[in-house]
């Protein structure tokens, strides 16, 4: 889902996606932002390994931290393109409504 979002952002941009979906895009974006890192942690840690507890919990923090950092940067980029800095100056900011 995150790869699909990044692809759509690269093709159309945040402003066109937000305008075309009537704001649904931003809700989905926030959902991916909130659940992306926990989902990666679940995939890494909870893989089934023949009834043994996985020792991958030691390796999970690094990829999860990298993903979380990338998601935060993506969140800032999308929010600033849509609403502007401090909710001013963007095409969907409070001063444009």
PDB file of N, CA and C in Angstrom:
ATOM      1  N   UNK A   1       0.825  -1.194   0.000  1.00  0.00           N
ATOM      2  CA  UNK A   1       0.000   0.000   0.000  1.00  0.00           C
ATOM      3  C   UNK A   1       0.869   1.258   0.000  1.00  0.00           C
ATOM      4  N   UNK A   2       1.956   1.215   0.759  1.00  0.00           N
ATOM      5  CA  UNK A   2       2.841   2.376   0.799  1.00  0.00           C
ATOM      6  C   UNK A   2       3.504   2.579  -0.560  1.00  0.00           C
ATOM      7  N   UNK A   3       3.917   1.490  -1.187  1.00  0.00           N
ATOM      8  CA  UNK A   3       4.522   1.595  -2.519  1.00  0.00           C
ATOM      9  C   UNK A   3       3.510   2.137  -3.526  1.00  0.00           C
ATOM     10  N   UNK A   4       2.255   1.735  -3.424  1.00  0.00           N
ATOM     11  CA  UNK A   4       1.209   2.252  -4.298  1.00  0.00           C
ATOM     12  C   UNK A   4       1.013   3.742  -4.067  1.00  0.00           C
ATOM     13  N   UNK A   5       1.011   4.161  -2.826  1.00  0.00           N
ATOM     14  CA  UNK A   5       0.853   5.580  -2.525  1.00  0.00           C
ATOM     15  C   UNK A   5       2.015   6.389  -3.089  1.00  0.00           C
ATOM     16  N   UNK A   6       3.222   5.909  -2.923  1.00  0.00           N
ATOM     17  CA  UNK A   6       4.382   6.625  -3.444  1.00  0.00           C
ATOM     18  C   UNK A   6       4.330   6.690  -4.967  1.00  0.00           C
ATOM     19  N   UNK A   7       3.886   5.613  -5.602  1.00  0.00           N
ATOM     20  CA  UNK A   7       3.747   5.614  -7.060  1.00  0.00           C
ATOM     21  C   UNK A   7       2.708   6.634  -7.511  1.00  0.00           C
ATOM     22  N   UNK A   8       1.571   6.661  -6.835  1.00  0.00           N
ATOM     23  CA  UNK A   8       0.527   7.628  -7.188  1.00  0.00           C
ATOM     24  C   UNK A   8       0.988   9.056  -6.942  1.00  0.00           C
ATOM     25  N   UNK A   9       1.738   9.271  -5.875  1.00  0.00           N
ATOM     26  CA  UNK A   9       2.280  10.607  -5.616  1.00  0.00           C
ATOM     27  C   UNK A   9       3.263  11.020  -6.697  1.00  0.00           C
ATOM     28  N   UNK A  10       4.076  10.087  -7.160  1.00  0.00           N
ATOM     29  CA  UNK A  10       5.042  10.404  -8.205  1.00  0.00           C
ATOM     30  C   UNK A  10       4.343  10.708  -9.529  1.00  0.00           C
ATOM     31  N   UNK A  11       3.253  10.026  -9.799  1.00  0.00           N
ATOM     32  CA  UNK A  11       2.551  10.211 -11.077  1.00  0.00           C
ATOM     33  C   UNK A  11       1.649  11.445 -11.044  1.00  0.00           C
ATOM     34  N   UNK A  12       0.816  11.557 -10.022  1.00  0.00           N
ATOM     35  CA  UNK A  12      -0.204  12.593  -9.993  1.00  0.00           C
ATOM     36  C   UNK A  12       0.105  13.758  -9.058  1.00  0.00           C
ATOM     37  N   UNK A  13       0.763  13.507  -7.945  1.00  0.00           N
ATOM     38  CA  UNK A  13       1.012  14.549  -6.958  1.00  0.00           C
ATOM     39  C   UNK A  13      -0.074  14.575  -5.899  1.00  0.00           C
ATOM     40  N   UNK A  14       0.269  15.119  -4.747  1.00  0.00           N
ATOM     41  CA  UNK A  14      -0.645  15.118  -3.608  1.00  0.00           C
ATOM     42  C   UNK A  14      -1.873  15.986  -3.845  1.00  0.00           C
ATOM     43  N   UNK A  15      -1.686  17.128  -4.492  1.00  0.00           N
ATOM     44  CA  UNK A  15      -2.806  18.055  -4.685  1.00  0.00           C
ATOM     45  C   UNK A  15      -3.857  17.448  -5.616  1.00  0.00           C
ATOM     46  N   UNK A  16      -3.430  16.827  -6.707  1.00  0.00           N
ATOM     47  CA  UNK A  16      -4.395  16.191  -7.620  1.00  0.00           C
ATOM     48  C   UNK A  16      -5.086  15.003  -6.977  1.00  0.00           C
ATOM     49  N   UNK A  17      -4.348  14.205  -6.197  1.00  0.00           N
ATOM     50  CA  UNK A  17      -4.971  13.064  -5.518  1.00  0.00           C
ATOM     51  C   UNK A  17      -6.007  13.529  -4.508  1.00  0.00           C
ATOM     52  N   UNK A  18      -5.666  14.553  -3.746  1.00  0.00           N
ATOM     53  CA  UNK A  18      -6.596  15.081  -2.746  1.00  0.00           C
ATOM     54  C   UNK A  18      -7.842  15.655  -3.416  1.00  0.00           C
ATOM     55  N   UNK A  19      -7.643  16.384  -4.501  1.00  0.00           N
ATOM     56  CA  UNK A  19      -8.776  16.975  -5.208  1.00  0.00           C
ATOM     57  C   UNK A  19      -9.658  15.933  -5.871  1.00  0.00           C
ATOM     58  N   UNK A  20      -9.051  14.890  -6.425  1.00  0.00           N
ATOM     59  CA  UNK A  20      -9.816  13.869  -7.136  1.00  0.00           C
ATOM     60  C   UNK A  20     -10.612  12.972  -6.199  1.00  0.00           C
ATOM     61  N   UNK A  21     -10.108  12.755  -4.991  1.00  0.00           N
ATOM     62  CA  UNK A  21     -10.788  11.846  -4.066  1.00  0.00           C
ATOM     63  C   UNK A  21     -11.635  12.573  -3.033  1.00  0.00           C
ATOM     64  N   UNK A  22     -11.640  13.871  -3.058  1.00  0.00           N
ATOM     65  CA  UNK A  22     -12.462  14.612  -2.117  1.00  0.00           C
ATOM     66  C   UNK A  22     -11.985  14.499  -0.682  1.00  0.00           C
ATOM     67  N   UNK A  23     -10.729  14.382  -0.482  1.00  0.00           N
ATOM     68  CA  UNK A  23     -10.180  14.305   0.861  1.00  0.00           C
ATOM     69  C   UNK A  23      -9.992  12.894   1.386  1.00  0.00           C
ATOM     70  N   UNK A  24     -10.537  11.905   0.711  1.00  0.00           N
ATOM     71  CA  UNK A  24     -10.363  10.517   1.142  1.00  0.00           C
ATOM     72  C   UNK A  24      -8.887  10.117   1.101  1.00  0.00           C
ATOM     73  N   UNK A  25      -8.157  10.674   0.134  1.00  0.00           N
ATOM     74  CA  UNK A  25      -6.736  10.343   0.025  1.00  0.00           C
ATOM     75  C   UNK A  25      -5.995  10.654   1.316  1.00  0.00           C
ATOM     76  N   UNK A  26      -6.265  11.819   1.907  1.00  0.00           N
ATOM     77  CA  UNK A  26      -5.519  12.200   3.110  1.00  0.00           C
ATOM     78  C   UNK A  26      -5.845  11.272   4.277  1.00  0.00           C
ATOM     79  N   UNK A  27      -7.069  10.809   4.366  1.00  0.00           N
ATOM     80  CA  UNK A  27      -7.428   9.858   5.419  1.00  0.00           C
ATOM     81  C   UNK A  27      -6.681   8.537   5.245  1.00  0.00           C
ATOM     82  N   UNK A  28      -6.617   8.059   4.008  1.00  0.00           N
ATOM     83  CA  UNK A  28      -5.873   6.820   3.729  1.00  0.00           C
ATOM     84  C   UNK A  28      -4.390   7.032   3.984  1.00  0.00           C
ATOM     85  N   UNK A  29      -3.890   8.200   3.610  1.00  0.00           N
ATOM     86  CA  UNK A  29      -2.483   8.527   3.847  1.00  0.00           C
ATOM     87  C   UNK A  29      -2.160   8.494   5.346  1.00  0.00           C
ATOM     88  N   UNK A  30      -3.025   9.075   6.160  1.00  0.00           N
ATOM     89  CA  UNK A  30      -2.801   9.064   7.613  1.00  0.00           C
ATOM     90  C   UNK A  30      -2.882   7.653   8.178  1.00  0.00           C
ATOM     91  N   UNK A  31      -3.760   6.835   7.633  1.00  0.00           N
ATOM     92  CA  UNK A  31      -3.855   5.440   8.068  1.00  0.00           C
ATOM     93  C   UNK A  31      -2.560   4.696   7.757  1.00  0.00           C
ATOM     94  N   UNK A  32      -2.032   4.869   6.551  1.00  0.00           N
ATOM     95  CA  UNK A  32      -0.765   4.227   6.196  1.00  0.00           C
ATOM     96  C   UNK A  32       0.378   4.762   7.041  1.00  0.00           C
ATOM     97  N   UNK A  33       0.357   6.050   7.325  1.00  0.00           N
ATOM     98  CA  UNK A  33       1.382   6.647   8.179  1.00  0.00           C
ATOM     99  C   UNK A  33       1.348   6.041   9.577  1.00  0.00           C
ATOM    100  N   UNK A  34       0.162   5.836  10.105  1.00  0.00           N
ATOM    101  CA  UNK A  34       0.024   5.321  11.470  1.00  0.00           C
ATOM    102  C   UNK A  34       0.298   3.828  11.583  1.00  0.00           C
ATOM    103  N   UNK A  35      -0.082   3.067  10.572  1.00  0.00           N
ATOM    104  CA  UNK A  35       0.003   1.611  10.672  1.00  0.00           C
ATOM    105  C   UNK A  35       1.155   0.989   9.891  1.00  0.00           C
ATOM    106  N   UNK A  36       1.906   1.781   9.150  1.00  0.00           N
ATOM    107  CA  UNK A  36       2.986   1.235   8.325  1.00  0.00           C
ATOM    108  C   UNK A  36       4.093   0.575   9.123  1.00  0.00           C
ATOM    109  N   UNK A  37       4.596   1.255  10.124  1.00  0.00           N
ATOM    110  CA  UNK A  37       5.701   0.710  10.922  1.00  0.00           C
ATOM    111  C   UNK A  37       5.267  -0.498  11.763  1.00  0.00           C
ATOM    112  N   UNK A  38       4.120  -0.455  12.457  1.00  0.00           N
ATOM    113  CA  UNK A  38       3.695  -1.666  13.169  1.00  0.00           C
ATOM    114  C   UNK A  38       3.465  -2.862  12.246  1.00  0.00           C
ATOM    115  N   UNK A  39       2.985  -2.610  11.035  1.00  0.00           N
ATOM    116  CA  UNK A  39       2.780  -3.709  10.095  1.00  0.00           C
ATOM    117  C   UNK A  39       4.108  -4.345   9.700  1.00  0.00           C
ATOM    118  N   UNK A  40       5.130  -3.523   9.471  1.00  0.00           N
ATOM    119  CA  UNK A  40       6.447  -4.065   9.142  1.00  0.00           C
ATOM    120  C   UNK A  40       7.001  -4.869  10.312  1.00  0.00           C
ATOM    121  N   UNK A  41       6.829  -4.374  11.529  1.00  0.00           N
ATOM    122  CA  UNK A  41       7.303  -5.107  12.704  1.00  0.00           C
ATOM    123  C   UNK A  41       6.603  -6.454  12.820  1.00  0.00           C
ATOM    124  N   UNK A  42       5.315  -6.499  12.551  1.00  0.00           N
ATOM    125  CA  UNK A  42       4.587  -7.763  12.592  1.00  0.00           C
ATOM    126  C   UNK A  42       5.091  -8.733  11.540  1.00  0.00           C
ATOM    127  N   UNK A  43       5.359  -8.236  10.350  1.00  0.00           N
ATOM    128  CA  UNK A  43       5.860  -9.112   9.294  1.00  0.00           C
ATOM    129  C   UNK A  43       7.226  -9.688   9.674  1.00  0.00           C
ATOM    130  N   UNK A  44       8.076  -8.877  10.246  1.00  0.00           N
ATOM    131  CA  UNK A  44       9.420  -9.344  10.601  1.00  0.00           C
ATOM    132  C   UNK A  44       9.382 -10.308  11.776  1.00  0.00           C
ATOM    133  N   UNK A  45       8.649  -9.972  12.812  1.00  0.00           N
ATOM    134  CA  UNK A  45       8.692 -10.740  14.053  1.00  0.00           C
ATOM    135  C   UNK A  45       7.779 -11.963  14.032  1.00  0.00           C
ATOM    136  N   UNK A  46       6.608 -11.835  13.464  1.00  0.00           N
ATOM    137  CA  UNK A  46       5.605 -12.889  13.593  1.00  0.00           C
ATOM    138  C   UNK A  46       5.598 -13.892  12.447  1.00  0.00           C
ATOM    139  N   UNK A  47       6.695 -13.984  11.728  1.00  0.00           N
ATOM    140  CA  UNK A  47       6.768 -15.024  10.700  1.00  0.00           C
ATOM    141  C   UNK A  47       6.733 -16.384  11.394  1.00  0.00           C
ATOM    142  N   UNK A  48       6.037 -17.315  10.803  1.00  0.00           N
ATOM    143  CA  UNK A  48       5.965 -18.636  11.423  1.00  0.00           C
ATOM    144  C   UNK A  48       7.259 -19.395  11.143  1.00  0.00           C
ATOM    145  N   UNK A  49       7.819 -19.922  12.193  1.00  0.00           N
ATOM    146  CA  UNK A  49       9.059 -20.694  12.075  1.00  0.00           C
ATOM    147  C   UNK A  49       8.927 -21.972  12.884  1.00  0.00           C
ATOM    148  N   UNK A  50       8.073 -22.845  12.445  1.00  0.00           N
ATOM    149  CA  UNK A  50       7.944 -24.191  13.002  1.00  0.00           C
ATOM    150  C   UNK A  50       7.912 -24.219  14.532  1.00  0.00           C
ATOM    151  N   UNK A  51       6.975 -23.487  15.097  1.00  0.00           N
ATOM    152  CA  UNK A  51       6.731 -23.490  16.549  1.00  0.00           C
ATOM    153  C   UNK A  51       7.875 -22.944  17.390  1.00  0.00           C
ATOM    154  N   UNK A  52       8.872 -22.368  16.800  1.00  0.00           N
ATOM    155  CA  UNK A  52       9.944 -21.744  17.576  1.00  0.00           C
ATOM    156  C   UNK A  52       9.685 -20.245  17.646  1.00  0.00           C
ATOM    157  N   UNK A  53      10.029 -19.671  18.754  1.00  0.00           N
ATOM    158  CA  UNK A  53       9.936 -18.219  18.857  1.00  0.00           C
ATOM    159  C   UNK A  53      11.008 -17.604  17.971  1.00  0.00           C
ATOM    160  N   UNK A  54      10.624 -16.617  17.201  1.00  0.00           N
ATOM    161  CA  UNK A  54      11.555 -16.009  16.264  1.00  0.00           C
ATOM    162  C   UNK A  54      12.558 -15.131  17.004  1.00  0.00           C
ATOM    163  N   UNK A  55      13.801 -15.212  16.592  1.00  0.00           N
ATOM    164  CA  UNK A  55      14.827 -14.342  17.175  1.00  0.00           C
ATOM    165  C   UNK A  55      15.023 -13.093  16.342  1.00  0.00           C
ATOM    166  N   UNK A  56      14.131 -12.867  15.373  1.00  0.00           N
ATOM    167  CA  UNK A  56      14.248 -11.692  14.517  1.00  0.00           C
ATOM    168  C   UNK A  56      13.842 -10.404  15.214  1.00  0.00           C
ATOM    169  N   UNK A  57      13.341 -10.487  16.425  1.00  0.00           N
ATOM    170  CA  UNK A  57      12.974  -9.268  17.134  1.00  0.00           C
ATOM    171  C   UNK A  57      14.195  -8.400  17.401  1.00  0.00           C
ATOM    172  N   UNK A  58      15.379  -8.996  17.340  1.00  0.00           N
ATOM    173  CA  UNK A  58      16.595  -8.200  17.496  1.00  0.00           C
ATOM    174  C   UNK A  58      16.894  -7.388  16.233  1.00  0.00           C
ATOM    175  N   UNK A  59      16.493  -7.893  15.077  1.00  0.00           N
ATOM    176  CA  UNK A  59      16.772  -7.213  13.812  1.00  0.00           C
ATOM    177  C   UNK A  59      15.628  -6.297  13.380  1.00  0.00           C
ATOM    178  N   UNK A  60      14.505  -6.345  14.022  1.00  0.00           N
ATOM    179  CA  UNK A  60      13.344  -5.563  13.602  1.00  0.00           C
ATOM    180  C   UNK A  60      13.481  -4.057  13.828  1.00  0.00           C
ATOM    181  N   UNK A  61      14.128  -3.571  14.874  1.00  0.00           N
ATOM    182  CA  UNK A  61      14.132  -2.121  15.105  1.00  0.00           C
ATOM    183  C   UNK A  61      14.774  -1.293  13.992  1.00  0.00           C
ATOM    184  N   UNK A  62      15.804  -1.801  13.343  1.00  0.00           N
ATOM    185  CA  UNK A  62      16.482  -0.998  12.325  1.00  0.00           C
ATOM    186  C   UNK A  62      15.593  -0.758  11.106  1.00  0.00           C
ATOM    187  N   UNK A  63      15.028  -1.795  10.470  1.00  0.00           N
ATOM    188  CA  UNK A  63      14.149  -1.501   9.331  1.00  0.00           C
ATOM    189  C   UNK A  63      12.894  -0.724   9.733  1.00  0.00           C
ATOM    190  N   UNK A  64      12.401  -0.957  10.937  1.00  0.00           N
ATOM    191  CA  UNK A  64      11.225  -0.216  11.391  1.00  0.00           C
ATOM    192  C   UNK A  64      11.557   1.265  11.595  1.00  0.00           C
ATOM    193  N   UNK A  65      12.740   1.554  12.119  1.00  0.00           N
ATOM    194  CA  UNK A  65      13.149   2.943  12.301  1.00  0.00           C
ATOM    195  C   UNK A  65      13.349   3.638  10.960  1.00  0.00           C
ATOM    196  N   UNK A  66      13.927   2.933   9.992  1.00  0.00           N
ATOM    197  CA  UNK A  66      14.116   3.512   8.663  1.00  0.00           C
ATOM    198  C   UNK A  66      12.769   3.800   8.012  1.00  0.00           C
ATOM    199  N   UNK A  67      11.846   2.843   8.087  1.00  0.00           N
ATOM    200  CA  UNK A  67      10.517   3.054   7.522  1.00  0.00           C
ATOM    201  C   UNK A  67       9.802   4.207   8.223  1.00  0.00           C
ATOM    202  N   UNK A  68       9.879   4.257   9.549  1.00  0.00           N
ATOM    203  CA  UNK A  68       9.218   5.332  10.289  1.00  0.00           C
ATOM    204  C   UNK A  68       9.773   6.696   9.888  1.00  0.00           C
ATOM    205  N   UNK A  69      11.074   6.798   9.716  1.00  0.00           N
ATOM    206  CA  UNK A  69      11.696   8.055   9.306  1.00  0.00           C
ATOM    207  C   UNK A  69      11.203   8.457   7.914  1.00  0.00           C
ATOM    208  N   UNK A  70      11.161   7.508   6.999  1.00  0.00           N
ATOM    209  CA  UNK A  70      10.684   7.794   5.639  1.00  0.00           C
ATOM    210  C   UNK A  70       9.213   8.197   5.642  1.00  0.00           C
ATOM    211  N   UNK A  71       8.408   7.547   6.475  1.00  0.00           N
ATOM    212  CA  UNK A  71       6.991   7.900   6.554  1.00  0.00           C
ATOM    213  C   UNK A  71       6.788   9.293   7.141  1.00  0.00           C
ATOM    214  N   UNK A  72       7.614   9.674   8.097  1.00  0.00           N
ATOM    215  CA  UNK A  72       7.510  11.023   8.665  1.00  0.00           C
ATOM    216  C   UNK A  72       7.871  12.063   7.604  1.00  0.00           C
ATOM    217  N   UNK A  73       8.933  11.819   6.843  1.00  0.00           N
ATOM    218  CA  UNK A  73       9.290  12.751   5.772  1.00  0.00           C
ATOM    219  C   UNK A  73       8.182  12.847   4.728  1.00  0.00           C
ATOM    220  N   UNK A  74       7.580  11.714   4.380  1.00  0.00           N
ATOM    221  CA  UNK A  74       6.483  11.710   3.425  1.00  0.00           C
ATOM    222  C   UNK A  74       5.280  12.467   3.978  1.00  0.00           C
ATOM    223  N   UNK A  75       4.996  12.295   5.255  1.00  0.00           N
ATOM    224  CA  UNK A  75       3.877  12.986   5.898  1.00  0.00           C
ATOM    225  C   UNK A  75       4.077  14.500   5.842  1.00  0.00           C
ATOM    226  N   UNK A  76       5.268  14.960   6.174  1.00  0.00           N
ATOM    227  CA  UNK A  76       5.537  16.397   6.115  1.00  0.00           C
ATOM    228  C   UNK A  76       5.400  16.925   4.697  1.00  0.00           C
ATOM    229  N   UNK A  77       5.906  16.184   3.716  1.00  0.00           N
ATOM    230  CA  UNK A  77       5.834  16.632   2.330  1.00  0.00           C
ATOM    231  C   UNK A  77       4.384  16.743   1.866  1.00  0.00           C
ATOM    232  N   UNK A  78       3.587  15.722   2.118  1.00  0.00           N
ATOM    233  CA  UNK A  78       2.188  15.730   1.693  1.00  0.00           C
ATOM    234  C   UNK A  78       1.416  16.841   2.410  1.00  0.00           C
ATOM    235  N   UNK A  79       1.612  16.986   3.707  1.00  0.00           N
ATOM    236  CA  UNK A  79       0.887  18.012   4.463  1.00  0.00           C
ATOM    237  C   UNK A  79       1.244  19.420   3.991  1.00  0.00           C
ATOM    238  N   UNK A  80       2.515  19.668   3.737  1.00  0.00           N
ATOM    239  CA  UNK A  80       2.905  21.001   3.283  1.00  0.00           C
ATOM    240  C   UNK A  80       2.423  21.286   1.872  1.00  0.00           C
ATOM    241  N   UNK A  81       2.385  20.274   1.013  1.00  0.00           N
ATOM    242  CA  UNK A  81       1.877  20.503  -0.347  1.00  0.00           C
ATOM    243  C   UNK A  81       0.379  20.764  -0.340  1.00  0.00           C
ATOM    244  N   UNK A  82      -0.348  20.122   0.558  1.00  0.00           N
ATOM    245  CA  UNK A  82      -1.797  20.297   0.601  1.00  0.00           C
ATOM    246  C   UNK A  82      -2.215  21.531   1.382  1.00  0.00           C
ATOM    247  N   UNK A  83      -1.666  21.707   2.550  1.00  0.00           N
ATOM    248  CA  UNK A  83      -2.155  22.731   3.468  1.00  0.00           C
ATOM    249  C   UNK A  83      -1.182  23.875   3.695  1.00  0.00           C
ATOM    250  N   UNK A  84       0.041  23.759   3.202  1.00  0.00           N
ATOM    251  CA  UNK A  84       1.028  24.810   3.396  1.00  0.00           C
ATOM    252  C   UNK A  84       1.647  24.731   4.777  1.00  0.00           C
ATOM    253  N   UNK A  85       2.655  25.549   4.985  1.00  0.00           N
ATOM    254  CA  UNK A  85       3.321  25.601   6.276  1.00  0.00           C
ATOM    255  C   UNK A  85       2.391  26.313   7.262  1.00  0.00           C
ATOM    256  N   UNK A  86       2.200  25.749   8.421  1.00  0.00           N
ATOM    257  CA  UNK A  86       1.319  26.294   9.455  1.00  0.00           C
ATOM    258  C   UNK A  86      -0.109  26.511   8.953  1.00  0.00           C
ATOM    259  N   UNK A  87      -0.543  25.639   8.035  1.00  0.00           N
ATOM    260  CA  UNK A  87      -1.896  25.676   7.491  1.00  0.00           C
ATOM    261  C   UNK A  87      -2.198  26.989   6.760  1.00  0.00           C
ATOM    262  N   UNK A  88      -1.179  27.597   6.176  1.00  0.00           N
ATOM    263  CA  UNK A  88      -1.360  28.828   5.413  1.00  0.00           C
ATOM    264  C   UNK A  88      -0.615  28.723   4.096  1.00  0.00           C
ATOM    265  N   UNK A  89      -1.261  29.141   3.033  1.00  0.00           N
ATOM    266  CA  UNK A  89      -0.598  29.217   1.745  1.00  0.00           C
ATOM    267  C   UNK A  89      -0.771  28.014   0.847  1.00  0.00           C
ATOM    268  N   UNK A  90      -1.311  26.923   1.353  1.00  0.00           N
ATOM    269  CA  UNK A  90      -1.523  25.743   0.519  1.00  0.00           C
ATOM    270  C   UNK A  90      -2.855  25.812  -0.199  1.00  0.00           C
ATOM    271  N   UNK A  91      -3.040  24.977  -1.216  1.00  0.00           N
ATOM    272  CA  UNK A  91      -4.307  25.019  -1.952  1.00  0.00           C
ATOM    273  C   UNK A  91      -5.516  24.589  -1.125  1.00  0.00           C
ATOM    274  N   UNK A  92      -5.301  23.842  -0.063  1.00  0.00           N
ATOM    275  CA  UNK A  92      -6.403  23.408   0.793  1.00  0.00           C
ATOM    276  C   UNK A  92      -6.236  23.913   2.224  1.00  0.00           C
ATOM    277  N   UNK A  93      -5.503  24.998   2.394  1.00  0.00           N
ATOM    278  CA  UNK A  93      -5.280  25.539   3.738  1.00  0.00           C
ATOM    279  C   UNK A  93      -6.530  26.287   4.211  1.00  0.00           C
ATOM    280  N   UNK A  94      -6.523  26.663   5.465  1.00  0.00           N
ATOM    281  CA  UNK A  94      -7.691  27.312   6.053  1.00  0.00           C
ATOM    282  C   UNK A  94      -7.919  28.700   5.464  1.00  0.00           C
ATOM    283  N   UNK A  95      -6.890  29.356   4.957  1.00  0.00           N
ATOM    284  CA  UNK A  95      -7.090  30.687   4.390  1.00  0.00           C
ATOM    285  C   UNK A  95      -7.641  30.641   2.967  1.00  0.00           C
ATOM    286  N   UNK A  96      -7.689  29.450   2.345  1.00  0.00           N
ATOM    287  CA  UNK A  96      -8.227  29.320   1.002  1.00  0.00           C
ATOM    288  C   UNK A  96      -9.689  28.899   1.000  1.00  0.00           C
ATOM    289  N   UNK A  97     -10.219  28.490   2.119  1.00  0.00           N
ATOM    290  CA  UNK A  97     -11.605  27.993   2.176  1.00  0.00           C
ATOM    291  C   UNK A  97     -12.581  29.091   2.420  1.00  0.00           C
TER     292      UNK A  97
END
